[in-house]
Structures are given as C-alpha cells and as structure tokens.
Amino acid sequence: MPTTTRTTGDQVVVEDLSTAADAAAFQSLNERWITTFFTLEDEDRRLLGDPVQHIVDPGGVVLVARLGNEVVGCVGLAPHGVDEFELVKMAVDPDHQGHGTGRRLIRAAIDRARTLGARRVLLETNSSLVSAIHLYETTGFRHLGADEHPPSPYVRADVVMALDL
C-alpha cells in the first residue's frame, strides 16, 4: 500500500486516491476539462476508466486534492520506462483554479516520483494551454524536442516537457 502524500495549504490536502468516489472524481474532473478544450480520446478513456489498473497497479500513483470532503483536483504519476514517470491527467475544478492547487499537486507528484526512485518526470500538453505550460515551466520542466521523446498516443499533445530529478 503506498504511503499517503499530505501537503496542506489553504485547507487543501493532497493524498493518494483511496476510494471509488476518488476514482469517480478523477474521471469527472478530467472529462470536464478535456471536453471543454478538446475531444476525449481512446487513451483518455482507458486511463480515466480505471486509474488503479492503468496507473497505480503498474507502480504509479494517483493523487487527489481535497478541500474538506470535496475532491477539487487530481493528477496521476504513471510509470514510463525505467526510472521515469509521466505526469498524467492533471485537472483542477474551475471554481478552485488560481489558488495554487495545481502547483501543490505537481509538487506532491514530483516528491512522490523522487521517493519512487525516478530520475525524470515527463508530461505532454497542448500549446494552447498557456497557463498550464507556464505552471510547468515555473516548476522546473523544460521543453523537449521532437527527437527527445517517443510519439504521443494523443492527437492533441503537441508539447512534451521533462523535469530531471
């Protein structure tokens, strides 16, 4: 059983996904933001449909940000090759954006990646998500060239970034 990561600030607590309600919130938050800007793709459906099977069981983690009993954000950290993880499916409820929840989730995921022995964390995003890219850059992620990563399973992914730990 993975150890819970607890990061608090402004009453937001970041901890491991632990219930079916957490998994449902992970799916709902992600589907909401993806369909706001893009279209759900097969890989989205696979990961969101069973995050325990596709992220946690292979050695990753799903973190949820709670404000009281409400899940207001989430992120996955999926194994990606030897000693690498990929930051996947980060979403924050629109009513809770701009308060540092996304940054807390990223920091908790990076801390967990270090604990799991990662040497690098990757992520994929879209160039239209300027605020998200800025958040990743200010957290230490750098842009990768097309020759530095494998092709993405997502049509929308036109930006790949990495953080060396």
Protein backbone atom coordinates (compact mmCIF):
# COMPACT_ATOMS: atom_id res chain seq x y z
CA MET A 1 0.00 0.00 0.00
CA PRO A 2 1.55 3.35 -0.99
CA THR A 3 2.19 5.96 1.65
CA THR A 4 -0.16 8.92 1.60
CA THR A 5 1.39 12.19 0.48
CA ARG A 6 -0.08 15.01 2.53
CA THR A 7 0.53 18.58 1.52
CA THR A 8 -1.59 21.23 3.15
CA GLY A 9 -2.18 24.88 2.40
CA ASP A 10 -5.35 26.93 2.46
CA GLN A 11 -7.06 23.77 3.77
CA VAL A 12 -6.21 21.78 0.63
CA VAL A 13 -4.84 18.32 1.39
CA VAL A 14 -3.12 16.23 -1.29
CA GLU A 15 -3.25 12.49 -0.73
CA ASP A 16 -3.42 9.17 -2.55
CA LEU A 17 -6.57 8.12 -4.35
CA SER A 18 -8.20 5.73 -1.90
CA THR A 19 -11.88 5.22 -2.70
CA ALA A 20 -14.22 4.58 -5.59
CA ALA A 21 -15.50 8.15 -5.06
CA ASP A 22 -11.93 9.42 -5.56
CA ALA A 23 -11.68 7.47 -8.82
CA ALA A 24 -15.02 8.88 -9.95
CA ALA A 25 -13.84 12.42 -9.13
CA PHE A 26 -10.59 11.77 -11.06
CA GLN A 27 -12.64 10.73 -14.09
CA SER A 28 -15.18 13.54 -13.78
CA LEU A 29 -12.67 16.37 -13.30
CA ASN A 30 -10.59 15.20 -16.23
CA GLU A 31 -13.50 14.59 -18.58
CA ARG A 32 -14.81 18.06 -17.76
CA TRP A 33 -11.60 19.90 -18.62
CA ILE A 34 -10.73 17.73 -21.64
CA THR A 35 -14.16 18.20 -23.23
CA THR A 36 -14.00 21.94 -22.55
CA PHE A 37 -10.96 22.31 -24.81
CA PHE A 38 -10.57 19.07 -26.77
CA THR A 39 -12.19 15.72 -27.50
CA LEU A 40 -11.87 12.63 -25.33
CA GLU A 41 -9.51 10.16 -26.96
CA ASP A 42 -9.16 6.39 -26.52
CA GLU A 43 -6.16 6.78 -24.18
CA ASP A 44 -8.17 9.21 -22.02
CA ARG A 45 -10.99 6.71 -21.72
CA ARG A 46 -8.59 3.89 -20.85
CA LEU A 47 -6.79 5.77 -18.05
CA LEU A 48 -9.86 7.51 -16.67
CA GLY A 49 -12.00 4.36 -16.77
CA ASP A 50 -9.74 2.50 -14.33
CA PRO A 51 -6.89 4.59 -12.91
CA VAL A 52 -5.98 1.92 -10.38
CA GLN A 53 -5.42 -0.73 -13.06
CA HIS A 54 -3.67 1.55 -15.55
CA ILE A 55 -1.70 3.92 -13.28
CA VAL A 56 -1.46 2.62 -9.70
CA ASP A 57 -1.07 -1.14 -10.18
CA PRO A 58 1.86 -0.79 -12.62
CA GLY A 59 3.74 1.21 -9.95
CA GLY A 60 2.36 4.73 -10.24
CA VAL A 61 0.13 6.85 -8.09
CA VAL A 62 -2.97 8.99 -8.40
CA LEU A 63 -3.14 11.97 -6.09
CA VAL A 64 -6.26 13.91 -5.20
CA ALA A 65 -6.51 17.41 -3.74
CA ARG A 66 -9.24 17.67 -1.14
CA LEU A 67 -10.89 20.75 0.26
CA GLY A 68 -12.86 19.35 3.15
CA ASN A 69 -14.58 16.25 1.75
CA GLU A 70 -14.60 17.54 -1.84
CA VAL A 71 -12.01 16.46 -4.42
CA VAL A 72 -11.05 19.71 -6.18
CA GLY A 73 -8.06 18.46 -8.16
CA CYS A 74 -6.11 15.40 -9.19
CA VAL A 75 -3.04 14.16 -11.01
CA GLY A 76 -1.60 10.80 -12.00
CA LEU A 77 2.03 9.75 -11.99
CA ALA A 78 2.34 6.82 -14.39
CA PRO A 79 5.45 4.65 -14.85
CA HIS A 80 7.12 5.50 -18.16
CA GLY A 81 10.12 3.30 -18.81
CA VAL A 82 12.97 2.64 -16.40
CA ASP A 83 13.21 5.25 -13.60
CA GLU A 84 10.89 7.67 -15.41
CA PHE A 85 7.32 8.66 -14.68
CA GLU A 86 4.81 10.67 -16.65
CA LEU A 87 2.62 13.32 -15.08
CA VAL A 88 -0.82 12.48 -16.46
CA LYS A 89 -4.41 13.64 -16.14
CA MET A 90 -3.93 16.73 -14.01
CA ALA A 91 -7.17 18.64 -13.51
CA VAL A 92 -8.39 21.25 -11.05
CA ASP A 93 -12.04 22.17 -10.68
CA PRO A 94 -12.58 25.54 -12.42
CA ASP A 95 -14.02 27.01 -9.20
CA HIS A 96 -10.72 26.24 -7.44
CA GLN A 97 -8.23 27.31 -10.10
CA GLY A 98 -5.84 30.15 -9.40
CA HIS A 99 -5.34 29.25 -5.75
CA GLY A 100 -2.23 27.08 -6.03
CA THR A 101 -3.93 23.68 -6.10
CA GLY A 102 -2.30 22.70 -9.40
CA ARG A 103 1.13 23.70 -8.10
CA ARG A 104 0.55 21.67 -4.91
CA LEU A 105 -0.43 18.64 -6.99
CA ILE A 106 2.66 18.94 -9.18
CA ARG A 107 4.98 19.32 -6.18
CA ALA A 108 3.40 16.31 -4.46
CA ALA A 109 3.76 14.25 -7.65
CA ILE A 110 7.41 15.27 -8.05
CA ASP A 111 8.11 14.41 -4.41
CA ARG A 112 6.48 11.01 -4.91
CA ALA A 113 8.47 10.42 -8.12
CA ARG A 114 11.68 11.05 -6.15
CA THR A 115 10.52 8.63 -3.45
CA LEU A 116 9.89 6.03 -6.14
CA GLY A 117 13.44 6.45 -7.45
CA ALA A 118 12.65 8.39 -10.61
CA ARG A 119 15.39 10.27 -12.41
CA ARG A 120 12.96 12.13 -14.67
CA VAL A 121 9.30 13.15 -14.92
CA LEU A 122 7.75 13.73 -18.34
CA LEU A 123 4.47 15.34 -19.36
CA GLU A 124 2.52 16.06 -22.52
CA THR A 125 0.23 19.02 -23.07
CA ASN A 126 -1.08 21.29 -25.78
CA SER A 127 0.39 24.63 -26.86
CA SER A 128 -3.00 26.34 -26.43
CA LEU A 129 -2.85 25.71 -22.65
CA VAL A 130 -0.58 28.69 -21.98
CA SER A 131 -1.28 28.90 -18.23
CA ALA A 132 -0.55 25.20 -17.75
CA ILE A 133 2.70 25.44 -19.71
CA HIS A 134 3.75 28.44 -17.62
CA LEU A 135 2.99 26.47 -14.45
CA TYR A 136 5.12 23.56 -15.66
CA GLU A 137 7.97 25.88 -16.67
CA THR A 138 7.97 27.63 -13.27
CA THR A 139 8.05 24.21 -11.61
CA GLY A 140 11.26 23.37 -13.49
CA PHE A 141 10.04 21.45 -16.52
CA ARG A 142 11.84 22.10 -19.80
CA HIS A 143 10.58 21.65 -23.34
CA LEU A 144 11.79 18.59 -25.28
CA GLY A 145 12.49 18.49 -28.98
CA ALA A 146 10.70 16.01 -31.22
CA ASP A 147 13.83 13.82 -31.27
CA GLU A 148 13.90 13.57 -27.44
CA HIS A 149 10.67 11.61 -26.88
CA PRO A 150 8.54 8.90 -28.45
CA PRO A 151 5.31 9.76 -30.29
CA SER A 152 2.30 10.56 -28.13
CA PRO A 153 -0.87 8.46 -28.05
CA TYR A 154 -2.79 11.79 -28.00
CA VAL A 155 -3.63 13.77 -31.13
CA ARG A 156 -3.79 16.99 -29.05
CA ALA A 157 -0.32 16.60 -27.47
CA ASP A 158 2.00 18.99 -29.29
CA VAL A 159 4.19 19.93 -26.31
CA VAL A 160 6.37 17.50 -24.36
CA MET A 161 8.29 18.58 -21.29
CA ALA A 162 10.61 16.93 -18.78
CA LEU A 163 11.96 17.58 -15.32
CA ASP A 164 15.26 15.91 -14.44
CA LEU A 165 15.35 14.94 -10.76
